[in-house]
Amino acid sequence: MLSLIAIAKNEAAGMADFLIHHAPLCDEIIVVDTGSDDGTARIAEAHGAKVFTFAWCDDFAVARNFSLSMATQKWVMYLDIDERIDPSDFPRLRQAIKGEPVCFQLPQWNYYNDSRHMEWQPATGRYPELEHDHKGFFQAEQYRLFPNGHGLRWEGRVHEDMSAAVAASGLPRRMLDVPIHHYGYVLSDERNRSRNTMYGRLVRKNVDDRPQDPKALLEMGYILIQEGKGREAIPVLEKAAEVGAQGPVLCRVSSMLATLYHADGQPQRAIETLHRCVNENPHWLFGWRDLITMLMDGGHWEQATLGLQAAKESVEESIVLLKLECQLLVKTRKIVEAIPVARKLARDYPGMEDFDRIADQCEALAKKEGLL
């Protein structure tokens, strides 16, 4: 019932493990080699994959669509070689494809050890074997599991996306809580540099191809920020908002613009941008985080408190909001209220043991001031 498809170039080091790991999940594995010179194709064939070659043309969507055309099963899932599904989730995936055709979005957990990333969150401890010692991740939602056919295809040279084809198909859409564990950002600095160089080139081509596409403009803004060209990114991101960015794209555009405005000495404009963002997209956790953080940075304690209350009403409980709540309570001298929040962080989330120390300090101070 299930074809697993992957495109690969010079992935000999991880290919065997990828195929052995996922063989119990699927009925066929298709690997499309886009120009390897390290034995990737040979290793893939030796481990039972159906291997095809494809001449790389600077377009991930074209390569991905070619791999899709080779799939013979009723359902298709795509992964990259540096991604894994936890075996404990295999039964849930197999169960999901027993029903009627549905396009499933899966959360991609991009492991990342630098907490300065705008959407970084600590590792959950839910998958200890796959989380390894990685400190945290940032998440993306992508259509990764879907029925074969129905005109489904990817678009975009880089960070290719199937959303338009899914919408045109009329098929139901659902989120499936089966994380894809992605290790591409924690493998090596050299690999990251090589990837960023290639992505920067393809993102610029993508904007040339689609100059009014908000997602392409968002990606261009991100690349400029990575290159240290924050001021050049501002008009690009403003254009993304002007030409109709919506949903997750608008959220990310707003968060990036707010950060750039704040760094450019325009804190009020940054706050206004985030206010609009969370009013239109109240479930955007990181918009709330950035808004509350900027309000606290500016000493707007009452507004920050109101923002936190609104965020807690709009977003499911999150370590991100709990940390903000603890920080806000401490800064506003509500040390008794801060104690249970700090204890909860230390108790429920791996790597948050330092919050026990914060709770101890709050307790000691509260006793000293006669509050306990």
Protein backbone atom coordinates (compact mmCIF):
# COMPACT_ATOMS: atom_id res chain seq x y z
CA MET A 1 0.00 0.00 0.00
CA LEU A 2 2.82 2.46 0.79
CA SER A 3 5.69 3.77 -1.35
CA LEU A 4 8.49 5.62 0.43
CA ILE A 5 10.24 8.00 -1.97
CA ALA A 6 13.51 9.89 -1.48
CA ILE A 7 15.89 11.94 -3.60
CA ALA A 8 19.59 11.75 -2.76
CA LYS A 9 23.01 12.99 -3.72
CA ASN A 10 26.19 11.69 -2.05
CA GLU A 11 24.30 10.11 0.85
CA ALA A 12 26.38 6.91 1.07
CA ALA A 13 27.15 7.45 4.77
CA GLY A 14 23.51 7.37 5.86
CA MET A 15 21.80 5.37 3.13
CA ALA A 16 22.03 1.85 4.58
CA ASP A 17 20.74 2.93 7.99
CA PHE A 18 17.90 4.91 6.38
CA LEU A 19 16.74 1.91 4.35
CA ILE A 20 17.09 -0.67 7.12
CA HIS A 21 15.30 1.61 9.57
CA HIS A 22 12.26 2.25 7.35
CA ALA A 23 11.97 -1.11 5.54
CA PRO A 24 9.32 -2.42 8.01
CA LEU A 25 7.15 0.64 7.37
CA CYS A 26 6.61 0.49 3.61
CA ASP A 27 6.02 -1.84 0.68
CA GLU A 28 8.55 -0.27 -1.66
CA ILE A 29 11.34 2.28 -1.29
CA ILE A 30 12.30 4.43 -4.26
CA VAL A 31 15.58 6.33 -4.28
CA VAL A 32 16.26 8.86 -7.02
CA ASP A 33 19.97 9.65 -7.34
CA THR A 34 20.60 13.19 -8.58
CA GLY A 35 24.30 12.85 -9.39
CA SER A 36 26.19 11.03 -6.62
CA ASP A 37 29.83 10.02 -6.95
CA ASP A 38 30.18 8.16 -3.62
CA GLY A 39 28.33 4.90 -4.21
CA THR A 40 24.93 6.11 -3.01
CA ALA A 41 23.04 4.25 -5.77
CA ARG A 42 24.98 1.01 -5.26
CA ILE A 43 24.30 0.98 -1.52
CA ALA A 44 20.63 1.75 -2.08
CA GLU A 45 20.26 -1.13 -4.55
CA ALA A 46 22.09 -3.50 -2.21
CA HIS A 47 19.52 -2.77 0.50
CA GLY A 48 16.47 -3.39 -1.66
CA ALA A 49 15.56 0.07 -2.93
CA LYS A 50 14.37 0.71 -6.47
CA VAL A 51 16.97 3.16 -7.76
CA PHE A 52 16.53 5.68 -10.58
CA THR A 53 18.84 8.42 -11.82
CA PHE A 54 17.84 12.02 -12.51
CA ALA A 55 19.92 14.82 -14.03
CA TRP A 56 19.93 17.62 -11.45
CA CYS A 57 18.43 20.85 -12.83
CA ASP A 58 18.54 23.22 -9.83
CA ASP A 59 14.92 22.45 -8.98
CA PHE A 60 13.92 20.31 -6.00
CA ALA A 61 10.27 20.22 -7.08
CA VAL A 62 11.11 18.73 -10.49
CA ALA A 63 13.33 16.07 -8.89
CA ARG A 64 10.73 15.32 -6.23
CA ASN A 65 7.97 15.02 -8.85
CA PHE A 66 10.11 12.59 -10.82
CA SER A 67 10.47 10.39 -7.73
CA LEU A 68 6.70 10.55 -7.24
CA SER A 69 6.13 9.38 -10.82
CA MET A 70 8.07 6.20 -10.02
CA ALA A 71 5.85 5.23 -7.07
CA THR A 72 3.55 2.26 -7.75
CA GLN A 73 1.65 1.93 -4.48
CA LYS A 74 -1.70 3.42 -3.46
CA TRP A 75 -0.14 5.76 -0.87
CA VAL A 76 3.10 7.75 -0.91
CA MET A 77 5.31 9.12 1.82
CA TYR A 78 8.47 11.12 1.21
CA LEU A 79 11.50 11.46 3.44
CA ASP A 80 15.06 12.67 3.01
CA ILE A 81 17.99 10.45 3.89
CA ASP A 82 18.80 12.49 7.01
CA GLU A 83 15.27 11.98 8.40
CA ARG A 84 13.76 9.20 10.50
CA ILE A 85 10.33 8.10 11.71
CA ASP A 86 10.37 6.48 15.14
CA PRO A 87 9.39 2.77 14.87
CA SER A 88 6.84 3.30 17.64
CA ASP A 89 4.93 5.48 15.16
CA PHE A 90 4.93 2.97 12.30
CA PRO A 91 1.56 1.44 13.35
CA ARG A 92 -0.08 4.87 13.42
CA LEU A 93 1.10 5.59 9.89
CA ARG A 94 -0.10 2.23 8.62
CA GLN A 95 -3.45 2.76 10.30
CA ALA A 96 -3.81 6.23 8.76
CA ILE A 97 -3.69 4.87 5.20
CA LYS A 98 -6.41 2.27 5.72
CA GLY A 99 -9.16 4.83 5.21
CA GLU A 100 -10.28 7.11 2.41
CA PRO A 101 -7.76 9.30 0.55
CA VAL A 102 -6.50 12.10 2.80
CA CYS A 103 -3.49 14.42 2.53
CA PHE A 104 -1.66 14.29 5.84
CA GLN A 105 0.62 16.98 7.16
CA LEU A 106 3.30 15.70 9.54
CA PRO A 107 5.41 17.84 11.89
CA GLN A 108 9.06 17.94 10.91
CA TRP A 109 11.30 18.32 13.97
CA ASN A 110 14.46 20.02 12.71
CA TYR A 111 16.99 19.36 15.47
CA TYR A 112 18.99 22.49 16.14
CA ASN A 113 21.32 23.27 19.01
CA ASP A 114 21.27 27.08 18.79
CA SER A 115 18.38 28.46 20.84
CA ARG A 116 18.60 31.81 19.01
CA HIS A 117 16.60 30.41 16.10
CA MET A 118 13.30 32.31 15.96
CA GLU A 119 11.17 29.15 16.36
CA TRP A 120 13.49 27.09 18.56
CA GLN A 121 11.98 25.02 21.35
CA PRO A 122 13.59 22.55 23.77
CA ALA A 123 13.48 18.84 23.06
CA THR A 124 10.47 17.15 24.63
CA GLY A 125 11.89 13.86 25.86
CA ARG A 126 9.09 12.06 24.00
CA TYR A 127 11.52 10.18 21.74
CA PRO A 128 14.72 9.76 23.76
CA GLU A 129 16.40 7.41 21.28
CA LEU A 130 15.92 9.73 18.32
CA GLU A 131 16.34 13.00 20.20
CA HIS A 132 19.78 11.77 21.36
CA ASP A 133 21.54 14.66 23.10
CA HIS A 134 20.13 17.39 20.85
CA LYS A 135 19.02 20.38 22.88
CA GLY A 136 16.00 21.37 20.83
CA PHE A 137 14.40 21.81 17.44
CA PHE A 138 12.26 24.04 15.28
CA GLN A 139 9.17 22.63 13.64
CA ALA A 140 7.68 22.79 10.16
CA GLU A 141 4.45 21.20 8.92
CA GLN A 142 4.57 19.60 5.49
CA TYR A 143 2.43 17.31 3.37
CA ARG A 144 4.41 14.09 3.69
CA LEU A 145 1.79 11.31 3.43
CA PHE A 146 -0.81 11.34 0.68
CA PRO A 147 -2.63 9.15 -1.88
CA ASN A 148 -0.89 8.51 -5.18
CA GLY A 149 -2.30 10.41 -8.14
CA HIS A 150 -5.01 13.09 -7.84
CA GLY A 151 -2.74 15.61 -9.59
CA LEU A 152 -0.57 16.08 -6.51
CA ARG A 153 2.77 17.70 -7.35
CA TRP A 154 5.36 19.96 -5.73
CA GLU A 155 6.13 23.54 -6.77
CA GLY A 156 9.21 25.69 -6.11
CA ARG A 157 12.91 25.29 -6.82
CA VAL A 158 13.74 25.06 -3.12
CA HIS A 159 11.66 24.39 0.01
CA GLU A 160 9.26 22.87 -2.48
CA ASP A 161 5.62 22.80 -1.46
CA MET A 162 2.53 20.77 -2.36
CA SER A 163 -0.08 23.04 -0.74
CA ALA A 164 -1.49 24.47 -3.98
CA ALA A 165 -1.95 21.04 -5.56
CA VAL A 166 -3.53 19.67 -2.38
CA ALA A 167 -6.02 22.54 -2.29
CA ALA A 168 -6.84 22.06 -5.99
CA SER A 169 -7.36 18.31 -5.53
CA GLY A 170 -10.27 18.80 -3.14
CA LEU A 171 -8.95 15.98 -0.96
CA PRO A 172 -9.45 16.23 2.82
CA ARG A 173 -6.47 17.59 4.78
CA ARG A 174 -5.45 16.53 8.27
CA MET A 175 -2.56 16.86 10.69
CA LEU A 176 -1.07 13.55 11.82
CA ASP A 177 0.93 13.77 15.04
CA VAL A 178 3.83 11.61 13.87
CA PRO A 179 7.05 13.65 13.98
CA ILE A 180 9.68 13.41 11.27
CA HIS A 181 13.05 13.62 13.02
CA HIS A 182 15.39 15.67 10.81
CA TYR A 183 19.14 15.81 11.54
CA GLY A 184 20.36 17.88 8.61
CA TYR A 185 21.25 20.91 10.72
CA VAL A 186 23.30 19.00 13.32
CA LEU A 187 25.43 16.74 11.12
CA SER A 188 28.42 19.00 10.41
CA ASP A 189 29.32 22.66 9.98
CA GLU A 190 30.73 21.93 6.52
CA ARG A 191 27.48 20.34 5.40
CA ASN A 192 25.51 23.32 6.75
CA ARG A 193 27.73 25.78 4.89
CA SER A 194 27.39 23.83 1.65
CA ARG A 195 23.62 23.58 2.02
CA ASN A 196 23.24 27.28 2.83
CA THR A 197 25.29 28.25 -0.22
CA MET A 198 23.16 26.09 -2.51
CA TYR A 199 19.89 27.24 -0.93
CA GLY A 200 20.94 30.88 -1.25
CA ARG A 201 21.52 30.39 -4.97
CA LEU A 202 18.24 28.52 -5.51
CA VAL A 203 16.20 30.94 -3.41
CA ARG A 204 17.36 33.81 -5.61
CA LYS A 205 16.40 31.83 -8.71
CA ASN A 206 13.04 31.07 -7.12
CA VAL A 207 12.36 34.78 -6.60
CA ASP A 208 13.31 35.46 -10.22
CA ASP A 209 10.81 32.77 -11.28
CA ARG A 210 8.05 33.88 -8.87
CA PRO A 211 8.60 37.55 -7.93
CA GLN A 212 5.08 37.94 -6.47
CA ASP A 213 5.11 34.70 -4.45
CA PRO A 214 5.01 35.52 -0.70
CA LYS A 215 6.71 32.24 0.25
CA ALA A 216 9.58 32.85 -2.18
CA LEU A 217 10.00 36.38 -0.79
CA LEU A 218 9.94 35.04 2.78
CA GLU A 219 12.74 32.62 1.92
CA MET A 220 14.70 35.45 0.30
CA GLY A 221 14.33 37.54 3.45
CA TYR A 222 15.60 34.66 5.56
CA ILE A 223 18.64 34.16 3.34
CA LEU A 224 19.50 37.88 3.52
CA ILE A 225 19.29 37.76 7.33
CA GLN A 226 21.58 34.72 7.36
CA GLU A 227 24.02 36.68 5.22
CA GLY A 228 23.98 39.59 7.69
CA LYS A 229 21.96 41.84 5.38
CA GLY A 230 19.05 42.57 7.71
CA ARG A 231 18.25 46.03 6.32
CA GLU A 232 18.09 44.63 2.79
CA ALA A 233 15.67 41.97 4.05
CA ILE A 234 13.13 44.52 5.34
CA PRO A 235 11.70 45.67 1.96
CA VAL A 236 11.67 42.06 0.70
CA LEU A 237 9.60 40.93 3.69
CA GLU A 238 7.37 44.00 3.49
CA LYS A 239 6.65 43.09 -0.13
CA ALA A 240 5.77 39.53 0.97
CA ALA A 241 3.14 40.98 3.29
CA GLU A 242 1.85 43.36 0.62
CA VAL A 243 1.37 40.72 -2.08
CA GLY A 244 -0.89 38.57 0.07
CA ALA A 245 1.07 36.44 2.54
CA GLN A 246 -1.32 34.38 4.65
CA GLY A 247 -1.29 31.79 7.41
CA PRO A 248 2.11 30.41 8.42
CA VAL A 249 3.90 32.49 5.77
CA LEU A 250 2.41 35.73 7.12
CA CYS A 251 3.26 34.67 10.67
CA ARG A 252 6.90 34.11 9.83
CA VAL A 253 7.08 37.31 7.77
CA SER A 254 5.65 39.28 10.71
CA SER A 255 8.02 37.74 13.26
CA MET A 256 11.06 38.39 11.09
CA LEU A 257 9.99 41.94 10.31
CA ALA A 258 9.35 42.68 13.99
CA THR A 259 12.82 41.42 14.92
CA LEU A 260 14.39 43.57 12.20
CA TYR A 261 12.38 46.66 13.19
CA HIS A 262 13.40 46.17 16.82
CA ALA A 263 17.07 45.82 15.87
CA ASP A 264 16.73 48.97 13.72
CA GLY A 265 15.58 51.05 16.71
CA GLN A 266 11.85 50.91 15.93
CA PRO A 267 10.44 48.98 18.93
CA GLN A 268 6.92 50.41 18.66
CA ARG A 269 6.66 49.43 15.02
CA ALA A 270 7.87 45.95 15.95
CA ILE A 271 5.21 45.63 18.66
CA GLU A 272 2.47 46.86 16.32
CA THR A 273 3.52 44.33 13.69
CA LEU A 274 3.30 41.49 16.21
CA HIS A 275 -0.04 42.72 17.57
CA ARG A 276 -1.52 42.52 14.07
CA CYS A 277 0.02 39.10 13.57
CA VAL A 278 -1.42 37.49 16.70
CA ASN A 279 -4.81 39.17 16.23
CA GLU A 280 -5.09 37.56 12.80
CA ASN A 281 -3.31 34.31 13.75
CA PRO A 282 -3.96 33.74 17.47
CA HIS A 283 -2.50 30.22 17.40
CA TRP A 284 0.97 31.45 16.34
CA LEU A 285 2.97 30.58 19.46
CA PHE A 286 6.15 32.35 18.43
CA GLY A 287 4.34 35.57 17.57
CA TRP A 288 3.02 35.65 21.14
CA ARG A 289 6.49 34.84 22.46
CA ASP A 290 8.12 37.66 20.50
CA LEU A 291 5.37 40.14 21.41
CA ILE A 292 5.51 39.38 25.14
CA THR A 293 9.31 39.44 25.13
CA MET A 294 9.40 42.84 23.42
CA LEU A 295 6.81 44.22 25.82
CA MET A 296 8.91 43.04 28.76
CA ASP A 297 12.07 44.47 27.20
CA GLY A 298 10.31 47.83 27.01
CA GLY A 299 9.08 47.65 30.60
CA HIS A 300 5.42 47.38 29.53
CA TRP A 301 4.58 44.97 32.35
CA GLU A 302 0.79 45.33 32.30
CA GLN A 303 0.60 44.85 28.53
CA ALA A 304 2.95 41.87 28.77
CA THR A 305 0.74 40.30 31.44
CA LEU A 306 -2.37 40.81 29.30
CA GLY A 307 -0.53 39.39 26.30
CA LEU A 308 0.45 36.29 28.25
CA GLN A 309 -3.13 35.76 29.38
CA ALA A 310 -4.35 36.03 25.77
CA ALA A 311 -1.62 33.66 24.57
CA LYS A 312 -2.57 31.03 27.18
CA GLU A 313 -6.17 31.22 25.99
CA SER A 314 -5.17 30.81 22.34
CA VAL A 315 -2.30 28.31 22.42
CA GLU A 316 -1.98 24.89 24.02
CA GLU A 317 0.29 24.64 27.05
CA SER A 318 3.87 25.05 25.92
CA ILE A 319 7.27 25.18 27.53
CA VAL A 320 7.79 28.43 25.60
CA LEU A 321 4.89 30.14 27.37
CA LEU A 322 5.72 28.58 30.74
CA LYS A 323 9.24 29.99 30.61
CA LEU A 324 7.85 33.40 29.68
CA GLU A 325 5.34 33.20 32.51
CA CYS A 326 8.03 32.35 35.04
CA GLN A 327 10.24 35.16 33.76
CA LEU A 328 7.37 37.69 33.86
CA LEU A 329 6.32 36.69 37.38
CA VAL A 330 9.87 37.04 38.68
CA LYS A 331 10.40 40.41 36.99
CA THR A 332 7.11 41.76 38.40
CA ARG A 333 8.02 40.49 41.88
CA LYS A 334 5.23 37.92 42.01
CA ILE A 335 7.64 35.42 43.44
CA VAL A 336 5.09 33.22 45.22
CA GLU A 337 3.17 32.71 41.95
CA ALA A 338 6.46 31.98 40.15
CA ILE A 339 7.30 28.99 42.38
CA PRO A 340 4.79 26.43 41.00
CA VAL A 341 5.52 27.49 37.41
CA ALA A 342 9.26 26.95 37.91
CA ARG A 343 8.62 23.59 39.65
CA LYS A 344 6.44 22.46 36.73
CA LEU A 345 9.13 23.34 34.21
CA ALA A 346 11.74 21.40 36.18
CA ARG A 347 9.40 18.43 36.66
CA ASP A 348 7.82 18.08 33.22
CA TYR A 349 10.52 19.04 30.74
CA PRO A 350 13.97 17.48 30.25
CA GLY A 351 16.88 19.84 30.60
CA MET A 352 14.92 22.36 32.68
CA GLU A 353 16.40 21.33 36.04
CA ASP A 354 17.75 24.85 36.59
CA PHE A 355 14.20 25.98 37.28
CA ASP A 356 14.27 24.02 40.54
CA ARG A 357 17.06 26.40 41.60
CA ILE A 358 14.92 29.38 40.57
CA ALA A 359 12.00 27.98 42.58
CA ASP A 360 14.29 27.51 45.60
CA GLN A 361 15.49 31.11 45.34
CA CYS A 362 11.90 32.38 45.06
CA GLU A 363 10.87 30.35 48.10
CA ALA A 364 13.79 31.66 50.15
CA LEU A 365 13.01 35.25 49.18
CA ALA A 366 9.29 34.81 49.86
CA LYS A 367 10.01 33.43 53.34
CA LYS A 368 12.42 36.26 54.05
CA GLU A 369 9.75 38.81 53.09
CA GLY A 370 7.06 37.00 55.08
CA LEU A 371 5.07 35.97 52.02
CA LEU A 372 5.23 32.25 52.90
